[in-house]
Amino acid sequence: ESGGGLVQPGGSLRLSCAASGSIFSMYFMGWYRQAPGKQRELVATI
């Protein structure tokens, strides 16, 4: 994963996730996040 950083409220970022392997296109993919002291949660799927 890449593309994170510090941004002000109201700002934008674009994250990227590069996967090795030729079978990537077979999978449903998801973005997850984990805040301090919290469980990992699912944010979006495709």
All heavy atoms as atom14 arrays in JSON, in Angstrom:
{
  "sequence": "ESGGGLVQPGGSLRLSCAASGSIFSMYFMGWYRQAPGKQRELVATI",
  "atom14_mask": [
    [1, 1, 1, 1, 1, 1, 1, 1, 1, 0, 0, 0, 0, 0],
    [1, 1, 1, 1, 1, 1, 0, 0, 0, 0, 0, 0, 0, 0],
    [1, 1, 1, 1, 0, 0, 0, 0, 0, 0, 0, 0, 0, 0],
    [1, 1, 1, 1, 0, 0, 0, 0, 0, 0, 0, 0, 0, 0],
    [1, 1, 1, 1, 0, 0, 0, 0, 0, 0, 0, 0, 0, 0],
    [1, 1, 1, 1, 1, 1, 1, 1, 0, 0, 0, 0, 0, 0],
    [1, 1, 1, 1, 1, 1, 1, 0, 0, 0, 0, 0, 0, 0],
    [1, 1, 1, 1, 1, 1, 1, 1, 1, 0, 0, 0, 0, 0],
    [1, 1, 1, 1, 1, 1, 1, 0, 0, 0, 0, 0, 0, 0],
    [1, 1, 1, 1, 0, 0, 0, 0, 0, 0, 0, 0, 0, 0],
    [1, 1, 1, 1, 0, 0, 0, 0, 0, 0, 0, 0, 0, 0],
    [1, 1, 1, 1, 1, 1, 0, 0, 0, 0, 0, 0, 0, 0],
    [1, 1, 1, 1, 1, 1, 1, 1, 0, 0, 0, 0, 0, 0],
    [1, 1, 1, 1, 1, 1, 1, 1, 1, 1, 1, 0, 0, 0],
    [1, 1, 1, 1, 1, 1, 1, 1, 0, 0, 0, 0, 0, 0],
    [1, 1, 1, 1, 1, 1, 0, 0, 0, 0, 0, 0, 0, 0],
    [1, 1, 1, 1, 1, 1, 0, 0, 0, 0, 0, 0, 0, 0],
    [1, 1, 1, 1, 1, 0, 0, 0, 0, 0, 0, 0, 0, 0],
    [1, 1, 1, 1, 1, 0, 0, 0, 0, 0, 0, 0, 0, 0],
    [1, 1, 1, 1, 1, 1, 0, 0, 0, 0, 0, 0, 0, 0],
    [1, 1, 1, 1, 0, 0, 0, 0, 0, 0, 0, 0, 0, 0],
    [1, 1, 1, 1, 1, 1, 0, 0, 0, 0, 0, 0, 0, 0],
    [1, 1, 1, 1, 1, 1, 1, 1, 0, 0, 0, 0, 0, 0],
    [1, 1, 1, 1, 1, 1, 1, 1, 1, 1, 1, 0, 0, 0],
    [1, 1, 1, 1, 1, 1, 0, 0, 0, 0, 0, 0, 0, 0],
    [1, 1, 1, 1, 1, 1, 1, 1, 0, 0, 0, 0, 0, 0],
    [1, 1, 1, 1, 1, 1, 1, 1, 1, 1, 1, 1, 0, 0],
    [1, 1, 1, 1, 1, 1, 1, 1, 1, 1, 1, 0, 0, 0],
    [1, 1, 1, 1, 1, 1, 1, 1, 0, 0, 0, 0, 0, 0],
    [1, 1, 1, 1, 0, 0, 0, 0, 0, 0, 0, 0, 0, 0],
    [1, 1, 1, 1, 1, 1, 1, 1, 1, 1, 1, 1, 1, 1],
    [1, 1, 1, 1, 1, 1, 1, 1, 1, 1, 1, 1, 0, 0],
    [1, 1, 1, 1, 1, 1, 1, 1, 1, 1, 1, 0, 0, 0],
    [1, 1, 1, 1, 1, 1, 1, 1, 1, 0, 0, 0, 0, 0],
    [1, 1, 1, 1, 1, 0, 0, 0, 0, 0, 0, 0, 0, 0],
    [1, 1, 1, 1, 1, 1, 1, 0, 0, 0, 0, 0, 0, 0],
    [1, 1, 1, 1, 0, 0, 0, 0, 0, 0, 0, 0, 0, 0],
    [1, 1, 1, 1, 1, 1, 1, 1, 1, 0, 0, 0, 0, 0],
    [1, 1, 1, 1, 1, 1, 1, 1, 1, 0, 0, 0, 0, 0],
    [1, 1, 1, 1, 1, 1, 1, 1, 1, 1, 1, 0, 0, 0],
    [1, 1, 1, 1, 1, 1, 1, 1, 1, 0, 0, 0, 0, 0],
    [1, 1, 1, 1, 1, 1, 1, 1, 0, 0, 0, 0, 0, 0],
    [1, 1, 1, 1, 1, 1, 1, 0, 0, 0, 0, 0, 0, 0],
    [1, 1, 1, 1, 1, 0, 0, 0, 0, 0, 0, 0, 0, 0],
    [1, 1, 1, 1, 1, 1, 1, 0, 0, 0, 0, 0, 0, 0],
    [1, 1, 1, 1, 1, 1, 1, 1, 0, 0, 0, 0, 0, 0]
  ],
  "atom14_positions": [
    [[0.83, -1.2, 0.0], [0.0, 0.0, 0.0], [0.87, 1.25, 0.0], [1.97, 1.25, 0.57], [-0.9, 0.02, 1.24], [-1.84, -1.15, 1.34], [-1.29, -2.31, 2.16], [-0.06, -2.32, 2.44], [-2.06, -3.21, 2.53], [0.0, 0.0, 0.0], [0.0, 0.0, 0.0], [0.0, 0.0, 0.0], [0.0, 0.0, 0.0], [0.0, 0.0, 0.0]],
    [[0.36, 2.31, -0.61], [1.09, 3.59, -0.64], [0.11, 4.73, -0.83], [-1.07, 4.51, -1.14], [2.13, 3.59, -1.77], [1.49, 3.45, -3.03], [0.0, 0.0, 0.0], [0.0, 0.0, 0.0], [0.0, 0.0, 0.0], [0.0, 0.0, 0.0], [0.0, 0.0, 0.0], [0.0, 0.0, 0.0], [0.0, 0.0, 0.0], [0.0, 0.0, 0.0]],
    [[0.6, 5.95, -0.64], [-0.21, 7.13, -0.91], [-0.72, 7.86, 0.31], [-1.37, 8.9, 0.18], [0.0, 0.0, 0.0], [0.0, 0.0, 0.0], [0.0, 0.0, 0.0], [0.0, 0.0, 0.0], [0.0, 0.0, 0.0], [0.0, 0.0, 0.0], [0.0, 0.0, 0.0], [0.0, 0.0, 0.0], [0.0, 0.0, 0.0], [0.0, 0.0, 0.0]],
    [[-0.48, 7.31, 1.49], [-0.95, 7.98, 2.7], [-0.16, 9.23, 3.01], [0.82, 9.55, 2.33], [0.0, 0.0, 0.0], [0.0, 0.0, 0.0], [0.0, 0.0, 0.0], [0.0, 0.0, 0.0], [0.0, 0.0, 0.0], [0.0, 0.0, 0.0], [0.0, 0.0, 0.0], [0.0, 0.0, 0.0], [0.0, 0.0, 0.0], [0.0, 0.0, 0.0]],
    [[-0.59, 9.92, 4.05], [0.1, 11.13, 4.45], [-0.72, 11.95, 5.42], [-1.75, 11.49, 5.92], [0.0, 0.0, 0.0], [0.0, 0.0, 0.0], [0.0, 0.0, 0.0], [0.0, 0.0, 0.0], [0.0, 0.0, 0.0], [0.0, 0.0, 0.0], [0.0, 0.0, 0.0], [0.0, 0.0, 0.0], [0.0, 0.0, 0.0], [0.0, 0.0, 0.0]],
    [[-0.25, 13.15, 5.66], [-0.95, 14.09, 6.54], [-1.72, 15.07, 5.67], [-1.16, 15.67, 4.75], [0.07, 14.85, 7.39], [-0.46, 16.0, 8.25], [-1.45, 15.48, 9.29], [0.71, 16.73, 8.92], [0.0, 0.0, 0.0], [0.0, 0.0, 0.0], [0.0, 0.0, 0.0], [0.0, 0.0, 0.0], [0.0, 0.0, 0.0], [0.0, 0.0, 0.0]],
    [[-2.99, 15.23, 5.97], [-3.84, 16.12, 5.19], [-4.78, 16.86, 6.13], [-5.16, 16.34, 7.18], [-4.61, 15.32, 4.11], [-5.55, 14.31, 4.75], [-5.33, 16.22, 3.15], [0.0, 0.0, 0.0], [0.0, 0.0, 0.0], [0.0, 0.0, 0.0], [0.0, 0.0, 0.0], [0.0, 0.0, 0.0], [0.0, 0.0, 0.0], [0.0, 0.0, 0.0]],
    [[-5.15, 18.06, 5.75], [-6.08, 18.84, 6.55], [-7.51, 18.36, 6.33], [-7.83, 17.78, 5.28], [-5.98, 20.31, 6.18], [-4.67, 20.96, 6.57], [-4.66, 22.45, 6.33], [-5.46, 22.99, 5.57], [-3.75, 23.15, 6.98], [0.0, 0.0, 0.0], [0.0, 0.0, 0.0], [0.0, 0.0, 0.0], [0.0, 0.0, 0.0], [0.0, 0.0, 0.0]],
    [[-8.38, 18.57, 7.3], [-9.79, 18.22, 7.1], [-10.33, 18.88, 5.83], [-10.03, 20.04, 5.54], [-10.46, 18.78, 8.35], [-9.38, 18.75, 9.39], [-8.12, 19.09, 8.65], [0.0, 0.0, 0.0], [0.0, 0.0, 0.0], [0.0, 0.0, 0.0], [0.0, 0.0, 0.0], [0.0, 0.0, 0.0], [0.0, 0.0, 0.0], [0.0, 0.0, 0.0]],
    [[-11.09, 18.09, 5.08], [-11.61, 18.56, 3.81], [-10.72, 18.25, 2.62], [-11.13, 18.42, 1.47], [0.0, 0.0, 0.0], [0.0, 0.0, 0.0], [0.0, 0.0, 0.0], [0.0, 0.0, 0.0], [0.0, 0.0, 0.0], [0.0, 0.0, 0.0], [0.0, 0.0, 0.0], [0.0, 0.0, 0.0], [0.0, 0.0, 0.0], [0.0, 0.0, 0.0]],
    [[-9.52, 17.78, 2.9], [-8.57, 17.47, 1.84], [-8.8, 16.11, 1.21], [-9.77, 15.4, 1.54], [0.0, 0.0, 0.0], [0.0, 0.0, 0.0], [0.0, 0.0, 0.0], [0.0, 0.0, 0.0], [0.0, 0.0, 0.0], [0.0, 0.0, 0.0], [0.0, 0.0, 0.0], [0.0, 0.0, 0.0], [0.0, 0.0, 0.0], [0.0, 0.0, 0.0]],
    [[-7.9, 15.76, 0.28], [-8.04, 14.52, -0.47], [-6.71, 13.76, -0.5], [-5.63, 14.36, -0.42], [-8.46, 14.82, -1.92], [-9.7, 15.45, -1.98], [0.0, 0.0, 0.0], [0.0, 0.0, 0.0], [0.0, 0.0, 0.0], [0.0, 0.0, 0.0], [0.0, 0.0, 0.0], [0.0, 0.0, 0.0], [0.0, 0.0, 0.0], [0.0, 0.0, 0.0]],
    [[-6.83, 12.47, -0.63], [-5.68, 11.59, -0.85], [-6.11, 10.47, -1.77], [-7.3, 10.09, -1.79], [-5.17, 10.99, 0.46], [-4.36, 11.86, 1.4], [-4.1, 11.11, 2.71], [-3.05, 12.29, 0.77], [0.0, 0.0, 0.0], [0.0, 0.0, 0.0], [0.0, 0.0, 0.0], [0.0, 0.0, 0.0], [0.0, 0.0, 0.0], [0.0, 0.0, 0.0]],
    [[-5.15, 9.92, -2.49], [-5.42, 8.74, -3.31], [-4.46, 7.64, -2.89], [-3.24, 7.79, -3.01], [-5.24, 9.04, -4.78], [-5.69, 7.89, -5.7], [-5.23, 8.11, -7.11], [-5.91, 7.23, -8.05], [-5.41, 6.84, -9.22], [-4.22, 7.28, -9.59], [-6.09, 6.05, -10.02], [0.0, 0.0, 0.0], [0.0, 0.0, 0.0], [0.0, 0.0, 0.0]],
    [[-5.01, 6.56, -2.4], [-4.21, 5.41, -1.98], [-4.11, 4.41, -3.13], [-5.04, 4.27, -3.93], [-4.83, 4.74, -0.77], [-5.13, 5.62, 0.44], [-5.67, 4.76, 1.59], [-3.92, 6.41, 0.87], [0.0, 0.0, 0.0], [0.0, 0.0, 0.0], [0.0, 0.0, 0.0], [0.0, 0.0, 0.0], [0.0, 0.0, 0.0], [0.0, 0.0, 0.0]],
    [[-2.98, 3.72, -3.16], [-2.77, 2.66, -4.14], [-2.36, 1.39, -3.43], [-1.7, 1.44, -2.39], [-1.68, 3.05, -5.14], [-2.01, 4.2, -5.87], [0.0, 0.0, 0.0], [0.0, 0.0, 0.0], [0.0, 0.0, 0.0], [0.0, 0.0, 0.0], [0.0, 0.0, 0.0], [0.0, 0.0, 0.0], [0.0, 0.0, 0.0], [0.0, 0.0, 0.0]],
    [[-2.72, 0.28, -4.01], [-2.31, -1.02, -3.49], [-1.9, -1.88, -4.67], [-2.74, -2.22, -5.51], [-3.44, -1.68, -2.72], [-3.11, -3.4, -2.27], [0.0, 0.0, 0.0], [0.0, 0.0, 0.0], [0.0, 0.0, 0.0], [0.0, 0.0, 0.0], [0.0, 0.0, 0.0], [0.0, 0.0, 0.0], [0.0, 0.0, 0.0], [0.0, 0.0, 0.0]],
    [[-0.62, -2.21, -4.71], [-0.09, -3.05, -5.77], [0.01, -4.48, -5.27], [0.54, -4.74, -4.18], [1.27, -2.54, -6.21], [0.0, 0.0, 0.0], [0.0, 0.0, 0.0], [0.0, 0.0, 0.0], [0.0, 0.0, 0.0], [0.0, 0.0, 0.0], [0.0, 0.0, 0.0], [0.0, 0.0, 0.0], [0.0, 0.0, 0.0], [0.0, 0.0, 0.0]],
    [[-0.5, -5.4, -6.05], [-0.47, -6.82, -5.69], [0.4, -7.58, -6.68], [0.28, -7.39, -7.89], [-1.87, -7.4, -5.7], [0.0, 0.0, 0.0], [0.0, 0.0, 0.0], [0.0, 0.0, 0.0], [0.0, 0.0, 0.0], [0.0, 0.0, 0.0], [0.0, 0.0, 0.0], [0.0, 0.0, 0.0], [0.0, 0.0, 0.0], [0.0, 0.0, 0.0]],
    [[1.26, -8.41, -6.15], [2.06, -9.27, -7.01], [1.23, -10.48, -7.4], [0.25, -10.81, -6.73], [3.32, -9.73, -6.29], [2.98, -10.52, -5.18], [0.0, 0.0, 0.0], [0.0, 0.0, 0.0], [0.0, 0.0, 0.0], [0.0, 0.0, 0.0], [0.0, 0.0, 0.0], [0.0, 0.0, 0.0], [0.0, 0.0, 0.0], [0.0, 0.0, 0.0]],
    [[1.57, -11.12, -8.49], [0.84, -12.32, -8.87], [-0.15, -12.07, -9.99], [-0.74, -11.0, -10.08], [0.0, 0.0, 0.0], [0.0, 0.0, 0.0], [0.0, 0.0, 0.0], [0.0, 0.0, 0.0], [0.0, 0.0, 0.0], [0.0, 0.0, 0.0], [0.0, 0.0, 0.0], [0.0, 0.0, 0.0], [0.0, 0.0, 0.0], [0.0, 0.0, 0.0]],
    [[-0.36, -13.07, -10.79], [-1.18, -12.91, -11.98], [-2.65, -13.21, -11.74], [-3.45, -13.11, -12.67], [-0.64, -13.82, -13.09], [-0.68, -15.18, -12.65], [0.0, 0.0, 0.0], [0.0, 0.0, 0.0], [0.0, 0.0, 0.0], [0.0, 0.0, 0.0], [0.0, 0.0, 0.0], [0.0, 0.0, 0.0], [0.0, 0.0, 0.0], [0.0, 0.0, 0.0]],
    [[-3.02, -13.59, -10.51], [-4.4, -13.98, -10.27], [-5.2, -12.85, -9.63], [-6.32, -13.04, -9.2], [-4.48, -15.23, -9.37], [-3.76, -14.99, -8.03], [-3.86, -16.42, -10.09], [-3.91, -16.13, -7.06], [0.0, 0.0, 0.0], [0.0, 0.0, 0.0], [0.0, 0.0, 0.0], [0.0, 0.0, 0.0], [0.0, 0.0, 0.0], [0.0, 0.0, 0.0]],
    [[-4.63, -11.67, -9.57], [-5.27, -10.51, -8.94], [-6.68, -10.31, -9.47], [-7.61, -10.06, -8.71], [-4.42, -9.27, -9.2], [-5.04, -7.98, -8.79], [-5.0, -7.56, -7.48], [-5.67, -7.17, -9.72], [-5.57, -6.36, -7.1], [-6.25, -5.98, -9.35], [-6.19, -5.57, -8.04], [0.0, 0.0, 0.0], [0.0, 0.0, 0.0], [0.0, 0.0, 0.0]],
    [[-6.86, -10.4, -10.78], [-8.15, -10.06, -11.39], [-9.26, -11.02, -10.97], [-10.44, -10.72, -11.19], [-8.02, -10.03, -12.91], [-7.65, -11.31, -13.39], [0.0, 0.0, 0.0], [0.0, 0.0, 0.0], [0.0, 0.0, 0.0], [0.0, 0.0, 0.0], [0.0, 0.0, 0.0], [0.0, 0.0, 0.0], [0.0, 0.0, 0.0], [0.0, 0.0, 0.0]],
    [[-8.92, -12.15, -10.37], [-9.93, -13.12, -9.98], [-10.63, -12.73, -8.68], [-11.7, -13.25, -8.38], [-9.28, -14.49, -9.8], [-8.71, -15.08, -11.06], [-7.78, -16.59, -10.72], [-9.02, -17.58, -9.9], [0.0, 0.0, 0.0], [0.0, 0.0, 0.0], [0.0, 0.0, 0.0], [0.0, 0.0, 0.0], [0.0, 0.0, 0.0], [0.0, 0.0, 0.0]],
    [[-9.98, -11.85, -7.9], [-10.46, -11.58, -6.56], [-11.33, -10.33, -6.46], [-11.07, -9.32, -7.13], [-9.27, -11.37, -5.61], [-8.44, -12.6, -5.35], [-7.1, -12.64, -5.74], [-8.96, -13.68, -4.67], [-6.32, -13.75, -5.48], [-8.17, -14.8, -4.4], [-6.86, -14.81, -4.81], [-6.08, -15.91, -4.54], [0.0, 0.0, 0.0], [0.0, 0.0, 0.0]],
    [[-12.33, -10.4, -5.56], [-12.92, -9.18, -5.04], [-11.84, -8.57, -4.12], [-11.15, -9.29, -3.4], [-14.16, -9.47, -4.23], [-15.37, -9.85, -5.03], [-15.28, -10.36, -6.31], [-16.64, -9.71, -4.49], [-16.39, -10.72, -7.04], [-17.78, -10.06, -5.21], [-17.65, -10.57, -6.48], [0.0, 0.0, 0.0], [0.0, 0.0, 0.0], [0.0, 0.0, 0.0]],
    [[-11.73, -7.26, -4.14], [-10.73, -6.59, -3.31], [-11.4, -5.63, -2.35], [-12.53, -5.16, -2.59], [-9.72, -5.83, -4.17], [-8.86, -6.72, -5.06], [-7.79, -7.85, -4.13], [-6.7, -6.69, -3.29], [0.0, 0.0, 0.0], [0.0, 0.0, 0.0], [0.0, 0.0, 0.0], [0.0, 0.0, 0.0], [0.0, 0.0, 0.0], [0.0, 0.0, 0.0]],
    [[-10.7, -5.31, -1.27], [-11.24, -4.39, -0.3], [-10.17, -3.49, 0.28], [-8.99, -3.84, 0.3], [0.0, 0.0, 0.0], [0.0, 0.0, 0.0], [0.0, 0.0, 0.0], [0.0, 0.0, 0.0], [0.0, 0.0, 0.0], [0.0, 0.0, 0.0], [0.0, 0.0, 0.0], [0.0, 0.0, 0.0], [0.0, 0.0, 0.0], [0.0, 0.0, 0.0]],
    [[-10.6, -2.32, 0.72], [-9.77, -1.44, 1.52], [-10.3, -1.51, 2.95], [-11.52, -1.44, 3.18], [-9.81, -0.01, 1.02], [-8.9, 0.25, -0.13], [-9.23, 0.28, -1.45], [-7.49, 0.51, -0.06], [-8.12, 0.55, -2.22], [-7.03, 0.7, -1.38], [-6.57, 0.62, 0.98], [-5.7, 0.97, -1.7], [-5.24, 0.89, 0.67], [-4.82, 1.07, -0.65]],
    [[-9.38, -1.62, 3.88], [-9.69, -1.72, 5.3], [-8.9, -0.63, 6.02], [-7.91, -0.12, 5.49], [-9.25, -3.08, 5.86], [-9.83, -4.29, 5.15], [-9.37, -4.69, 3.9], [-10.83, -5.05, 5.75], [-9.89, -5.8, 3.26], [-11.35, -6.17, 5.12], [-10.88, -6.54, 3.87], [-11.39, -7.65, 3.24], [0.0, 0.0, 0.0], [0.0, 0.0, 0.0]],
    [[-9.33, -0.31, 7.23], [-8.54, 0.64, 8.02], [-8.6, 0.25, 9.49], [-9.56, -0.39, 9.94], [-9.04, 2.06, 7.83], [-10.43, 2.35, 8.37], [-10.85, 3.77, 7.99], [-12.19, 4.08, 8.5], [-12.85, 5.19, 8.19], [-12.31, 6.1, 7.36], [-14.05, 5.41, 8.7], [0.0, 0.0, 0.0], [0.0, 0.0, 0.0], [0.0, 0.0, 0.0]],
    [[-7.56, 0.67, 10.19], [-7.49, 0.41, 11.63], [-7.0, 1.67, 12.32], [-5.86, 2.11, 12.1], [-6.58, -0.77, 11.94], [-6.6, -1.17, 13.39], [-5.95, -2.52, 13.64], [-5.16, -3.02, 12.84], [-6.29, -3.15, 14.75], [0.0, 0.0, 0.0], [0.0, 0.0, 0.0], [0.0, 0.0, 0.0], [0.0, 0.0, 0.0], [0.0, 0.0, 0.0]],
    [[-7.86, 2.23, 13.14], [-7.52, 3.4, 13.94], [-6.92, 2.94, 15.26], [-7.18, 1.81, 15.7], [-8.76, 4.25, 14.17], [0.0, 0.0, 0.0], [0.0, 0.0, 0.0], [0.0, 0.0, 0.0], [0.0, 0.0, 0.0], [0.0, 0.0, 0.0], [0.0, 0.0, 0.0], [0.0, 0.0, 0.0], [0.0, 0.0, 0.0], [0.0, 0.0, 0.0]],
    [[-6.14, 3.79, 15.91], [-5.53, 3.4, 17.19], [-6.57, 2.95, 18.2], [-7.59, 3.62, 18.41], [-4.84, 4.68, 17.65], [-4.57, 5.43, 16.4], [-5.72, 5.12, 15.49], [0.0, 0.0, 0.0], [0.0, 0.0, 0.0], [0.0, 0.0, 0.0], [0.0, 0.0, 0.0], [0.0, 0.0, 0.0], [0.0, 0.0, 0.0], [0.0, 0.0, 0.0]],
    [[-6.34, 1.78, 18.79], [-7.23, 1.27, 19.81], [-8.52, 0.67, 19.3], [-9.39, 0.31, 20.09], [0.0, 0.0, 0.0], [0.0, 0.0, 0.0], [0.0, 0.0, 0.0], [0.0, 0.0, 0.0], [0.0, 0.0, 0.0], [0.0, 0.0, 0.0], [0.0, 0.0, 0.0], [0.0, 0.0, 0.0], [0.0, 0.0, 0.0], [0.0, 0.0, 0.0]],
    [[-8.65, 0.57, 17.98], [-9.88, 0.03, 17.4], [-9.58, -1.19, 16.53], [-8.45, -1.41, 16.11], [-10.6, 1.11, 16.58], [-11.1, 2.28, 17.39], [-11.94, 3.21, 16.54], [-12.5, 4.35, 17.36], [-13.35, 5.25, 16.52], [0.0, 0.0, 0.0], [0.0, 0.0, 0.0], [0.0, 0.0, 0.0], [0.0, 0.0, 0.0], [0.0, 0.0, 0.0]],
    [[-10.62, -1.95, 16.26], [-10.46, -3.1, 15.39], [-10.4, -2.65, 13.93], [-10.92, -1.59, 13.56], [-11.64, -4.06, 15.59], [-11.6, -4.81, 16.91], [-12.63, -5.92, 16.97], [-13.63, -5.92, 16.26], [-12.37, -6.92, 17.81], [0.0, 0.0, 0.0], [0.0, 0.0, 0.0], [0.0, 0.0, 0.0], [0.0, 0.0, 0.0], [0.0, 0.0, 0.0]],
    [[-9.78, -3.47, 13.12], [-9.74, -3.21, 11.69], [-11.16, -3.28, 11.13], [-11.92, -4.18, 11.48], [-8.84, -4.22, 11.0], [-8.55, -3.94, 9.55], [-7.53, -4.93, 9.04], [-6.19, -4.66, 9.59], [-5.23, -5.56, 9.67], [-5.44, -6.79, 9.28], [-4.05, -5.23, 10.15], [0.0, 0.0, 0.0], [0.0, 0.0, 0.0], [0.0, 0.0, 0.0]],
    [[-11.5, -2.33, 10.27], [-12.83, -2.31, 9.69], [-12.74, -2.22, 8.17], [-11.8, -1.68, 7.6], [-13.64, -1.11, 10.23], [-13.08, 0.25, 9.87], [-13.99, 1.39, 10.27], [-15.18, 1.16, 10.57], [-13.52, 2.55, 10.26], [0.0, 0.0, 0.0], [0.0, 0.0, 0.0], [0.0, 0.0, 0.0], [0.0, 0.0, 0.0], [0.0, 0.0, 0.0]],
    [[-13.77, -2.75, 7.55], [-13.87, -2.72, 6.1], [-14.42, -1.37, 5.65], [-15.46, -0.93, 6.15], [-14.77, -3.86, 5.62], [-14.99, -4.0, 4.12], [-13.69, -4.32, 3.4], [-16.03, -5.09, 3.86], [0.0, 0.0, 0.0], [0.0, 0.0, 0.0], [0.0, 0.0, 0.0], [0.0, 0.0, 0.0], [0.0, 0.0, 0.0], [0.0, 0.0, 0.0]],
    [[-13.74, -0.74, 4.71], [-14.14, 0.59, 4.25], [-14.86, 0.52, 2.9], [-15.88, 1.17, 2.7], [-12.89, 1.48, 4.13], [-13.23, 2.82, 3.49], [-12.25, 1.69, 5.5], [0.0, 0.0, 0.0], [0.0, 0.0, 0.0], [0.0, 0.0, 0.0], [0.0, 0.0, 0.0], [0.0, 0.0, 0.0], [0.0, 0.0, 0.0], [0.0, 0.0, 0.0]],
    [[-14.3, -0.25, 1.98], [-14.86, -0.32, 0.64], [-14.46, -1.62, -0.01], [-13.39, -2.16, 0.28], [-14.39, 0.86, -0.22], [0.0, 0.0, 0.0], [0.0, 0.0, 0.0], [0.0, 0.0, 0.0], [0.0, 0.0, 0.0], [0.0, 0.0, 0.0], [0.0, 0.0, 0.0], [0.0, 0.0, 0.0], [0.0, 0.0, 0.0], [0.0, 0.0, 0.0]],
    [[-15.3, -2.11, -0.89], [-14.99, -3.32, -1.65], [-15.25, -3.08, -3.13], [-16.02, -2.18, -3.49], [-15.84, -4.51, -1.19], [-17.22, -4.22, -1.43], [-15.64, -4.8, 0.29], [0.0, 0.0, 0.0], [0.0, 0.0, 0.0], [0.0, 0.0, 0.0], [0.0, 0.0, 0.0], [0.0, 0.0, 0.0], [0.0, 0.0, 0.0], [0.0, 0.0, 0.0]],
    [[-14.63, -3.9, -3.94], [-14.85, -3.8, -5.38], [-14.84, -5.21, -5.97], [-13.99, -6.03, -5.63], [-13.79, -2.9, -6.05], [-14.14, -2.64, -7.51], [-12.38, -3.45, -5.88], [-13.36, -1.49, -8.13], [0.0, 0.0, 0.0], [0.0, 0.0, 0.0], [0.0, 0.0, 0.0], [0.0, 0.0, 0.0], [0.0, 0.0, 0.0], [0.0, 0.0, 0.0]]
  ]
}
